[in-house]
Amino acid sequence: MGMWIGRNRKARVTYGFDEIALVPGNVTFNPNEADTSFVIPRKDDGDIKLKIPILASAMDGVTDVRFCIEMGRLGGLGVINLEGVQTRYENPSEVLTKIVKAGKEEVTSLIQKIYLEPIKEELIALRIRQLKEAGVLAAVSSIPQKAQHFAAIAQEAGADVFVVQSTVSTVRHISSEYKSLDLAALTNSMTIPVIVGNAVTYNVTLELMQCGVAGVLIGVGPGAACTSRGVLGLGVPQVTATVDCAAARDTHFKKSGRYVPIITDGGMSKGGDVCKALACGADAVMIGSAFARAKEAPGQGNHWGMATPHANLPRGTRIKVGVSGSLRQILYGPATVDDGSQNLVGAITTCMGNVGAKDIRQFQDTEIIIAPSIRTEGKLFQTLQSVGMGTV
């Protein structure tokens, strides 16, 4: 597999969302009857079932308590970053305003300084308690180095889902400077589901699943505010990453009888991207920049990557995405823009109807074609006028 790129070296051809298209089915289906539910498995019989297969990224410009409450009420799941401003400051809105108002030349250094404030463990419990008191699921995220400690605090505080997230996650992390996270031990010690990420390859995804995780996040570097691909040259386009990791999920299910969902994370700003991710094998998607445009988002129309605060090698930047409407509009419409960034759920159900899929599992069997002209064919006027599919 692969093509020669020089003497003794081959490289595989991979694909992103703009290079493929979904083929309509032989049978169509009423979109209003499509089942878009997503299940996060638990150790007991009480699996967590979401109305829609959409999670909001644990990024400080995207999620806070207010946003996650609204997301939960609308059928999705928002994740709060336990190492962000929500757990470092009692009044994070003041800090967020400073980030929003900072100039381009100073914003990265300002973010680095802001994130030097120590994490307050009592705020971890407080944020979770605020979510639970509102009657929604509480999902929180941590990096691997602090996961064991924070997971215990989060579970004690009543969290429903714990996410372990880093640029690249593997089971076999080697270090002589610190103790690596024992993922299997963590999942065994937790009574709540543990989702881990991020991964982009078959073998790594399979090994992660064998540790007892409840889900795997798929994607390295595709986020709108992430600069890992530029800084590190690292990543796999999301279509190929999703297909490869879905194959690992299916292999694991055949061998163990345990279905572990994969969640494509990043690189999706339009409804079409979300539909393609699901059709390529994702059970759900995690979205950041599209939700950063919601009125409820704490970033006030701004968005920055989780690795932006890194003290020595920032791999994210603050971008201005603007405010396009309410979270309800972005998820369910009615859309007031023509670029596909609103009514994401409507896009999913309509696409499912056109390919004849009654649920997400059937949607994953959709025929896919390589179609690099899918965004440009017949769209000259849209491109010239920067409207509809002609927008970036």
Protein backbone atom coordinates (compact mmCIF):
# COMPACT_ATOMS: atom_id res chain seq x y z
CA MET A 1 0.00 0.00 0.00
CA GLY A 2 1.24 3.47 -0.82
CA MET A 3 3.19 5.30 -3.51
CA TRP A 4 6.89 5.81 -3.93
CA ILE A 5 7.89 9.35 -2.87
CA GLY A 6 11.60 8.73 -3.41
CA ARG A 7 14.18 5.97 -3.29
CA ASN A 8 13.24 3.29 -0.73
CA ARG A 9 10.42 5.35 0.73
CA LYS A 10 6.69 4.94 0.27
CA ALA A 11 3.83 7.13 1.49
CA ARG A 12 0.14 6.35 1.71
CA VAL A 13 -2.42 8.57 -0.01
CA THR A 14 -4.93 9.85 2.56
CA TYR A 15 -8.11 11.89 2.36
CA GLY A 16 -9.86 14.77 4.10
CA PHE A 17 -13.49 15.92 4.04
CA ASP A 18 -13.15 18.10 0.92
CA GLU A 19 -11.86 15.18 -1.14
CA ILE A 20 -14.79 12.79 -0.78
CA ALA A 21 -18.55 12.75 -1.29
CA LEU A 22 -21.41 10.52 -0.15
CA VAL A 23 -23.48 8.66 -2.73
CA PRO A 24 -27.30 8.77 -2.48
CA GLY A 25 -28.88 5.43 -1.64
CA ASN A 26 -31.11 3.12 -3.67
CA VAL A 27 -33.82 3.71 -1.08
CA THR A 28 -34.57 7.05 0.59
CA PHE A 29 -35.96 7.56 4.06
CA ASN A 30 -38.06 10.18 5.84
CA PRO A 31 -35.47 12.40 7.62
CA ASN A 32 -37.92 13.12 10.43
CA GLU A 33 -37.81 9.44 11.38
CA ALA A 34 -34.02 9.14 11.46
CA ASP A 35 -32.51 7.97 14.76
CA THR A 36 -29.50 10.17 15.56
CA SER A 37 -28.91 8.86 19.08
CA PHE A 38 -25.44 8.10 20.43
CA VAL A 39 -24.61 5.74 23.28
CA ILE A 40 -21.65 6.03 25.67
CA PRO A 41 -21.24 2.59 27.28
CA ARG A 42 -21.06 2.20 31.04
CA LYS A 43 -19.80 -0.77 33.02
CA ASP A 44 -23.29 -1.49 34.30
CA ASP A 45 -26.44 -1.72 32.19
CA GLY A 46 -27.24 1.99 32.43
CA ASP A 47 -25.53 3.24 29.27
CA ILE A 48 -25.60 6.99 28.65
CA LYS A 49 -27.79 7.79 25.64
CA LEU A 50 -27.60 11.17 23.92
CA LYS A 51 -30.31 12.40 21.58
CA ILE A 52 -27.75 13.63 19.04
CA PRO A 53 -24.22 12.36 18.20
CA ILE A 54 -22.52 15.66 18.92
CA LEU A 55 -20.11 16.69 21.69
CA ALA A 56 -18.69 20.17 22.28
CA SER A 57 -14.91 20.38 22.66
CA ALA A 58 -13.31 21.02 26.03
CA MET A 59 -11.92 24.39 24.96
CA ASP A 60 -12.17 27.54 27.02
CA GLY A 61 -13.57 29.61 24.18
CA VAL A 62 -16.30 27.02 23.60
CA THR A 63 -17.54 25.47 26.84
CA ASP A 64 -18.33 26.67 30.32
CA VAL A 65 -21.10 25.76 32.74
CA ARG A 66 -23.70 27.92 31.00
CA PHE A 67 -22.88 26.51 27.57
CA CYS A 68 -22.82 22.89 28.76
CA ILE A 69 -26.19 23.28 30.46
CA GLU A 70 -27.75 24.48 27.22
CA MET A 71 -25.94 21.78 25.23
CA GLY A 72 -27.26 19.13 27.58
CA ARG A 73 -30.81 20.43 27.36
CA LEU A 74 -30.59 20.28 23.56
CA GLY A 75 -29.58 16.62 23.59
CA GLY A 76 -25.81 16.81 23.18
CA LEU A 77 -22.88 16.86 25.59
CA GLY A 78 -20.47 19.67 26.42
CA VAL A 79 -17.10 18.91 28.00
CA ILE A 80 -15.36 21.30 30.40
CA ASN A 81 -11.57 21.56 30.42
CA LEU A 82 -10.35 20.89 33.97
CA GLU A 83 -7.06 22.60 33.16
CA GLY A 84 -8.53 25.78 31.75
CA VAL A 85 -9.78 29.03 33.18
CA GLN A 86 -12.93 27.44 34.60
CA THR A 87 -10.88 25.71 37.32
CA ARG A 88 -8.16 28.34 37.74
CA TYR A 89 -10.36 31.36 38.39
CA GLU A 90 -13.51 31.78 40.45
CA ASN A 91 -14.74 34.37 37.95
CA PRO A 92 -13.44 33.13 34.59
CA SER A 93 -15.50 35.60 32.54
CA GLU A 94 -13.18 38.46 33.54
CA VAL A 95 -10.17 36.48 32.35
CA LEU A 96 -11.86 35.48 29.12
CA THR A 97 -12.60 39.11 28.36
CA LYS A 98 -8.88 39.94 28.67
CA ILE A 99 -8.05 37.21 26.15
CA VAL A 100 -10.75 38.42 23.77
CA LYS A 101 -9.58 42.05 23.90
CA ALA A 102 -5.84 41.33 23.58
CA GLY A 103 -4.03 42.30 20.39
CA LYS A 104 -2.64 39.67 18.00
CA GLU A 105 0.94 40.37 19.02
CA GLU A 106 0.33 39.85 22.72
CA VAL A 107 -2.46 37.30 22.93
CA THR A 108 -0.34 34.12 23.00
CA SER A 109 1.94 35.40 25.75
CA LEU A 110 -1.10 36.65 27.68
CA ILE A 111 -2.77 33.24 27.45
CA GLN A 112 0.43 31.57 28.62
CA LYS A 113 0.53 33.89 31.64
CA ILE A 114 -3.15 33.39 32.46
CA TYR A 115 -2.78 29.61 32.45
CA LEU A 116 0.07 29.77 34.96
CA GLU A 117 -2.52 30.32 37.70
CA PRO A 118 -2.74 27.10 39.74
CA ILE A 119 -5.75 24.83 39.32
CA LYS A 120 -8.05 24.95 42.33
CA GLU A 121 -9.47 21.53 43.13
CA GLU A 122 -12.50 23.01 44.85
CA LEU A 123 -13.45 24.65 41.53
CA ILE A 124 -13.42 21.23 39.82
CA ALA A 125 -16.09 20.04 42.24
CA LEU A 126 -17.98 23.34 41.97
CA ARG A 127 -18.26 23.27 38.16
CA ILE A 128 -19.47 19.66 38.21
CA ARG A 129 -21.96 20.43 40.95
CA GLN A 130 -23.31 23.40 38.96
CA LEU A 131 -23.96 21.13 35.98
CA LYS A 132 -25.64 18.44 38.05
CA GLU A 133 -27.85 20.96 39.83
CA ALA A 134 -29.07 22.09 36.40
CA GLY A 135 -30.10 18.52 35.64
CA VAL A 136 -27.64 17.78 32.81
CA LEU A 137 -24.78 15.36 32.36
CA ALA A 138 -21.38 16.52 33.61
CA ALA A 139 -18.39 15.71 31.38
CA VAL A 140 -14.88 16.97 32.13
CA SER A 141 -11.46 16.64 30.52
CA SER A 142 -7.84 16.38 31.69
CA ILE A 143 -4.41 15.68 30.22
CA PRO A 144 -2.90 12.24 30.99
CA GLN A 145 -0.33 13.52 33.51
CA LYS A 146 -3.06 14.68 35.89
CA ALA A 147 -5.81 12.28 34.91
CA GLN A 148 -5.48 9.83 37.80
CA HIS A 149 -5.80 12.57 40.41
CA PHE A 150 -8.44 14.68 38.69
CA ALA A 151 -10.52 11.65 37.75
CA ALA A 152 -10.96 10.71 41.39
CA ILE A 153 -12.01 14.26 42.27
CA ALA A 154 -14.41 14.43 39.33
CA GLN A 155 -16.03 11.10 40.08
CA GLU A 156 -16.46 11.99 43.74
CA ALA A 157 -18.07 15.28 42.72
CA GLY A 158 -20.63 13.46 40.58
CA ALA A 159 -19.23 13.66 37.05
CA ASP A 160 -20.86 11.38 34.47
CA VAL A 161 -18.03 11.18 31.92
CA PHE A 162 -14.27 11.67 32.24
CA VAL A 163 -12.16 12.48 29.18
CA VAL A 164 -8.38 12.00 28.98
CA GLN A 165 -7.10 14.12 26.13
CA SER A 166 -3.71 14.95 24.65
CA THR A 167 -2.29 15.79 21.23
CA VAL A 168 -1.47 12.12 20.68
CA SER A 169 -2.56 9.34 23.05
CA THR A 170 -0.97 5.90 23.22
CA VAL A 171 -1.05 3.07 25.72
CA ARG A 172 2.73 2.68 25.64
CA HIS A 173 4.00 6.14 26.56
CA ILE A 174 7.67 6.04 27.59
CA SER A 175 9.28 8.61 29.87
CA SER A 176 12.15 8.65 32.35
CA GLU A 177 11.10 12.06 33.72
CA TYR A 178 7.64 11.20 35.02
CA LYS A 179 5.33 8.26 35.59
CA SER A 180 3.15 7.53 32.59
CA LEU A 181 -0.59 7.10 32.98
CA ASP A 182 -1.67 3.48 33.34
CA LEU A 183 -4.82 3.74 31.26
CA ALA A 184 -6.07 0.26 32.07
CA ALA A 185 -5.68 0.90 35.79
CA LEU A 186 -7.53 4.20 35.46
CA THR A 187 -10.50 2.69 33.64
CA ASN A 188 -10.63 -0.21 36.12
CA SER A 189 -10.70 2.20 39.05
CA MET A 190 -13.48 4.36 37.63
CA THR A 191 -17.18 3.62 37.79
CA ILE A 192 -17.96 6.29 35.19
CA PRO A 193 -17.05 6.05 31.47
CA VAL A 194 -13.55 7.15 30.45
CA ILE A 195 -13.10 8.50 26.93
CA VAL A 196 -9.54 8.89 25.66
CA GLY A 197 -7.91 10.72 22.77
CA ASN A 198 -6.53 11.60 20.46
CA ALA A 199 -5.62 8.86 18.01
CA VAL A 200 -5.53 8.50 14.23
CA THR A 201 -4.26 4.98 13.55
CA TYR A 202 -5.68 1.45 13.61
CA ASN A 203 -3.16 -0.13 15.97
CA VAL A 204 -3.21 2.64 18.58
CA THR A 205 -7.01 2.76 18.60
CA LEU A 206 -7.18 -0.99 19.08
CA GLU A 207 -4.73 -0.87 22.01
CA LEU A 208 -6.65 1.98 23.64
CA MET A 209 -9.89 0.02 23.39
CA GLN A 210 -8.30 -3.03 24.96
CA CYS A 211 -7.68 -0.90 28.08
CA GLY A 212 -11.41 -0.69 28.76
CA VAL A 213 -12.13 2.85 27.58
CA ALA A 214 -15.68 3.90 26.73
CA GLY A 215 -14.76 5.82 23.60
CA VAL A 216 -11.82 7.08 21.53
CA LEU A 217 -11.43 10.60 20.11
CA ILE A 218 -10.09 10.63 16.55
CA GLY A 219 -8.01 13.46 15.11
CA VAL A 220 -4.59 15.07 15.40
CA GLY A 221 -4.30 18.70 14.35
CA PRO A 222 -7.46 19.34 12.27
CA GLY A 223 -9.06 21.91 14.60
CA ALA A 224 -9.59 25.44 13.32
CA ALA A 225 -7.50 26.95 16.13
CA CYS A 226 -4.90 24.17 16.28
CA THR A 227 -1.45 24.69 14.74
CA SER A 228 0.04 21.25 15.50
CA ARG A 229 0.20 20.35 11.82
CA GLY A 230 2.18 23.48 11.06
CA VAL A 231 4.38 23.41 14.17
CA LEU A 232 5.01 19.66 14.27
CA GLY A 233 4.13 18.49 10.75
CA LEU A 234 1.97 15.87 12.43
CA GLY A 235 -1.47 14.54 11.58
CA VAL A 236 -3.66 12.39 9.36
CA PRO A 237 -6.60 13.83 7.37
CA GLN A 238 -9.87 13.11 9.13
CA VAL A 239 -11.53 10.87 6.53
CA THR A 240 -8.67 8.37 6.49
CA ALA A 241 -8.17 8.61 10.26
CA THR A 242 -11.86 7.93 10.89
CA VAL A 243 -12.02 4.98 8.49
CA ASP A 244 -8.86 3.40 9.94
CA CYS A 245 -10.01 3.81 13.54
CA ALA A 246 -13.51 2.56 12.73
CA ALA A 247 -11.87 -0.60 11.42
CA ALA A 248 -10.10 -0.98 14.77
CA ARG A 249 -13.42 -0.56 16.58
CA ASP A 250 -15.00 -3.28 14.45
CA THR A 251 -12.06 -5.62 15.02
CA HIS A 252 -12.28 -5.05 18.76
CA PHE A 253 -16.03 -5.73 18.72
CA LYS A 254 -15.58 -9.00 16.83
CA LYS A 255 -12.91 -10.21 19.25
CA SER A 256 -14.42 -9.00 22.53
CA GLY A 257 -18.13 -8.48 21.89
CA ARG A 258 -17.72 -4.97 23.35
CA TYR A 259 -18.59 -2.04 21.09
CA VAL A 260 -16.45 1.01 21.81
CA PRO A 261 -17.57 4.11 19.89
CA ILE A 262 -15.18 6.40 18.06
CA ILE A 263 -15.71 10.16 18.04
CA THR A 264 -14.21 12.18 15.20
CA ASP A 265 -12.74 15.28 16.84
CA GLY A 266 -11.98 18.45 14.91
CA GLY A 267 -11.95 19.73 11.34
CA MET A 268 -15.74 19.98 10.97
CA SER A 269 -17.27 23.42 10.61
CA LYS A 270 -20.18 22.59 8.31
CA GLY A 271 -23.02 20.10 8.29
CA GLY A 272 -21.54 18.29 5.30
CA ASP A 273 -18.31 17.62 7.20
CA VAL A 274 -20.26 16.12 10.10
CA CYS A 275 -22.25 13.91 7.74
CA LYS A 276 -19.07 12.67 6.07
CA ALA A 277 -17.43 11.88 9.42
CA LEU A 278 -20.41 9.76 10.49
CA ALA A 279 -20.61 8.03 7.10
CA CYS A 280 -16.89 7.21 7.33
CA GLY A 281 -17.52 5.28 10.53
CA ALA A 282 -17.71 7.75 13.40
CA ASP A 283 -20.36 7.09 16.03
CA ALA A 284 -20.33 10.76 17.04
CA VAL A 285 -18.38 13.94 16.46
CA MET A 286 -16.71 16.49 18.71
CA ILE A 287 -16.88 20.09 17.49
CA GLY A 288 -15.15 23.27 18.61
CA SER A 289 -15.09 26.22 16.21
CA ALA A 290 -18.69 25.84 15.03
CA PHE A 291 -19.87 26.10 18.64
CA ALA A 292 -17.49 28.95 19.41
CA ARG A 293 -19.83 30.99 17.20
CA ALA A 294 -22.79 30.43 19.52
CA LYS A 295 -24.16 33.27 21.65
CA GLU A 296 -23.73 31.05 24.70
CA ALA A 297 -20.03 30.33 24.05
CA PRO A 298 -17.71 31.98 26.63
CA GLY A 299 -15.18 33.08 24.00
CA GLN A 300 -17.51 35.83 22.72
CA GLY A 301 -16.89 34.87 19.11
CA ASN A 302 -13.25 33.89 19.68
CA HIS A 303 -11.65 30.47 19.80
CA TRP A 304 -8.23 29.12 20.78
CA GLY A 305 -6.66 25.68 20.91
CA MET A 306 -6.00 23.62 24.03
CA ALA A 307 -2.25 23.70 23.34
CA THR A 308 -2.12 27.48 22.93
CA PRO A 309 -1.01 28.05 26.57
CA HIS A 310 1.99 25.70 26.29
CA ALA A 311 4.90 27.45 27.97
CA ASN A 312 7.59 26.48 25.44
CA LEU A 313 5.90 25.37 22.21
CA PRO A 314 2.37 26.74 21.69
CA ARG A 315 0.43 24.68 19.15
CA GLY A 316 -2.68 26.77 18.90
CA THR A 317 -3.77 30.29 18.20
CA ARG A 318 -6.70 32.57 18.94
CA ILE A 319 -8.97 33.01 15.97
CA LYS A 320 -12.00 35.25 15.58
CA VAL A 321 -14.98 33.24 14.38
CA GLY A 322 -17.71 35.75 15.18
CA VAL A 323 -21.13 35.09 16.67
CA SER A 324 -23.64 33.65 14.21
CA GLY A 325 -26.60 32.73 16.41
CA SER A 326 -27.78 30.74 19.39
CA LEU A 327 -26.63 27.21 20.13
CA ARG A 328 -30.14 26.00 19.30
CA GLN A 329 -29.83 27.59 15.84
CA ILE A 330 -26.46 25.98 15.24
CA LEU A 331 -27.81 22.57 16.21
CA TYR A 332 -31.41 22.67 15.01
CA GLY A 333 -31.96 25.87 13.02
CA PRO A 334 -33.70 27.68 11.60
CA ALA A 335 -30.56 28.55 9.68
CA THR A 336 -30.10 32.20 8.79
CA VAL A 337 -26.80 31.64 6.93
CA ASP A 338 -26.18 29.77 3.69
CA ASP A 339 -22.83 28.12 4.43
CA GLY A 340 -23.96 24.99 6.31
CA SER A 341 -22.73 26.14 9.72
CA GLN A 342 -26.22 26.14 11.24
CA ASN A 343 -28.79 23.35 11.72
CA LEU A 344 -26.17 20.62 11.95
CA VAL A 345 -28.72 18.07 13.15
CA GLY A 346 -30.99 18.92 10.23
CA ALA A 347 -28.07 18.28 7.88
CA ILE A 348 -27.45 14.88 9.49
CA THR A 349 -31.05 13.71 9.30
CA THR A 350 -31.53 15.01 5.75
CA CYS A 351 -28.37 13.27 4.58
CA MET A 352 -29.41 10.08 6.38
CA GLY A 353 -32.74 10.24 4.56
CA ASN A 354 -31.06 10.64 1.18
CA VAL A 355 -28.72 7.68 1.66
CA GLY A 356 -31.52 5.57 3.17
CA ALA A 357 -30.07 5.22 6.68
CA LYS A 358 -32.45 4.84 9.62
CA ASP A 359 -29.74 5.17 12.27
CA ILE A 360 -26.05 5.97 12.66
CA ARG A 361 -24.97 2.32 12.23
CA GLN A 362 -26.69 2.18 8.84
CA PHE A 363 -25.27 5.61 7.98
CA GLN A 364 -21.77 4.14 8.44
CA ASP A 365 -22.42 1.82 5.46
CA THR A 366 -22.95 4.72 3.02
CA GLU A 367 -21.09 4.47 -0.27
CA ILE A 368 -18.20 6.94 -0.41
CA ILE A 369 -16.44 8.23 -3.52
CA ILE A 370 -13.23 10.19 -4.02
CA ALA A 371 -14.46 13.52 -5.36
CA PRO A 372 -11.98 16.43 -5.08
CA SER A 373 -14.24 18.59 -7.27
CA ILE A 374 -17.24 18.20 -4.97
CA ARG A 375 -16.86 21.73 -3.53
CA THR A 376 -16.13 23.52 -6.80
CA GLU A 377 -18.12 21.78 -9.55
CA GLY A 378 -20.77 24.21 -10.79
CA LYS A 379 -20.05 26.65 -7.94
CA LEU A 380 -18.16 29.36 -9.83
CA PHE A 381 -20.53 32.19 -8.93
CA GLN A 382 -20.63 31.15 -5.24
CA THR A 383 -16.83 31.14 -5.17
CA LEU A 384 -16.49 34.50 -6.88
CA GLN A 385 -19.08 36.07 -4.58
CA SER A 386 -17.90 34.27 -1.41
CA VAL A 387 -21.35 32.94 -0.58
CA GLY A 388 -22.70 29.46 0.14
CA MET A 389 -20.08 26.85 -0.77
CA GLY A 390 -17.77 29.62 -1.91
CA THR A 391 -17.02 30.62 1.68
CA VAL A 392 -13.87 29.35 3.32
